[in-house]
């Protein structure tokens, strides 16, 4: 049985270098050629700490 898609989701938002906030945000809408996936866990990439510190411009 399919599950309904919620209207809101929790997101870890990088608000400034080295600062995160957990926010409730709207679930994004998708186009006919896109897919919406439920994420159960994530991992940290080697470049993620540089992005968090603001060392990689444009990321």
Protein backbone atom coordinates (compact mmCIF):
# COMPACT_ATOMS: atom_id res chain seq x y z
CA UNK A 1 0.00 0.00 0.00
CA UNK A 2 1.55 3.38 -0.97
CA UNK A 3 2.30 5.91 1.73
CA UNK A 4 1.14 9.48 1.39
CA UNK A 5 3.77 12.19 0.97
CA UNK A 6 3.93 14.53 3.98
CA UNK A 7 3.74 18.31 3.55
CA UNK A 8 6.69 19.03 5.88
CA UNK A 9 10.08 17.46 6.60
CA UNK A 10 12.99 18.02 8.97
CA UNK A 11 16.17 19.40 7.43
CA UNK A 12 19.64 20.13 8.76
CA UNK A 13 20.33 23.60 7.33
CA UNK A 14 23.80 25.17 7.16
CA UNK A 15 22.99 28.79 8.13
CA UNK A 16 26.56 30.13 8.24
CA UNK A 17 30.06 28.64 8.42
CA UNK A 18 30.13 26.11 11.28
CA UNK A 19 26.48 26.72 12.24
CA UNK A 20 23.59 24.32 11.62
CA UNK A 21 19.91 24.46 12.51
CA UNK A 22 17.34 21.70 12.38
CA UNK A 23 14.33 23.21 10.65
CA UNK A 24 10.92 22.04 9.56
CA UNK A 25 10.60 22.89 5.87
CA UNK A 26 8.12 22.11 3.08
CA UNK A 27 8.73 18.88 1.19
CA UNK A 28 9.93 19.92 -2.28
CA UNK A 29 7.62 19.44 -5.22
CA UNK A 30 8.98 17.48 -8.14
CA UNK A 31 8.50 17.68 -11.89
CA UNK A 32 7.26 14.77 -14.00
CA UNK A 33 10.88 13.88 -14.84
CA UNK A 34 12.09 13.98 -11.20
CA UNK A 35 11.94 11.58 -8.23
CA UNK A 36 11.35 12.30 -4.54
CA UNK A 37 13.17 9.89 -2.18
CA UNK A 38 12.84 9.33 1.56
CA UNK A 39 16.27 9.52 3.24
CA UNK A 40 16.88 7.34 6.30
CA UNK A 41 20.57 8.10 6.87
CA UNK A 42 23.47 10.04 5.40
CA UNK A 43 27.27 9.95 5.48
CA UNK A 44 29.96 12.62 5.53
CA UNK A 45 32.10 13.12 2.42
CA UNK A 46 35.74 14.18 2.77
CA UNK A 47 34.94 17.65 1.38
CA UNK A 48 31.94 18.23 3.70
CA UNK A 49 33.98 19.77 6.57
CA UNK A 50 35.48 22.30 4.12
CA UNK A 51 31.99 23.26 2.92
CA UNK A 52 30.78 23.63 6.53
CA UNK A 53 33.70 25.95 7.33
CA UNK A 54 32.96 28.05 4.20
CA UNK A 55 36.24 27.10 2.51
CA UNK A 56 34.72 25.91 -0.79
CA UNK A 57 33.07 28.87 -2.49
CA UNK A 58 29.91 28.07 -4.39
CA UNK A 59 29.12 24.89 -2.47
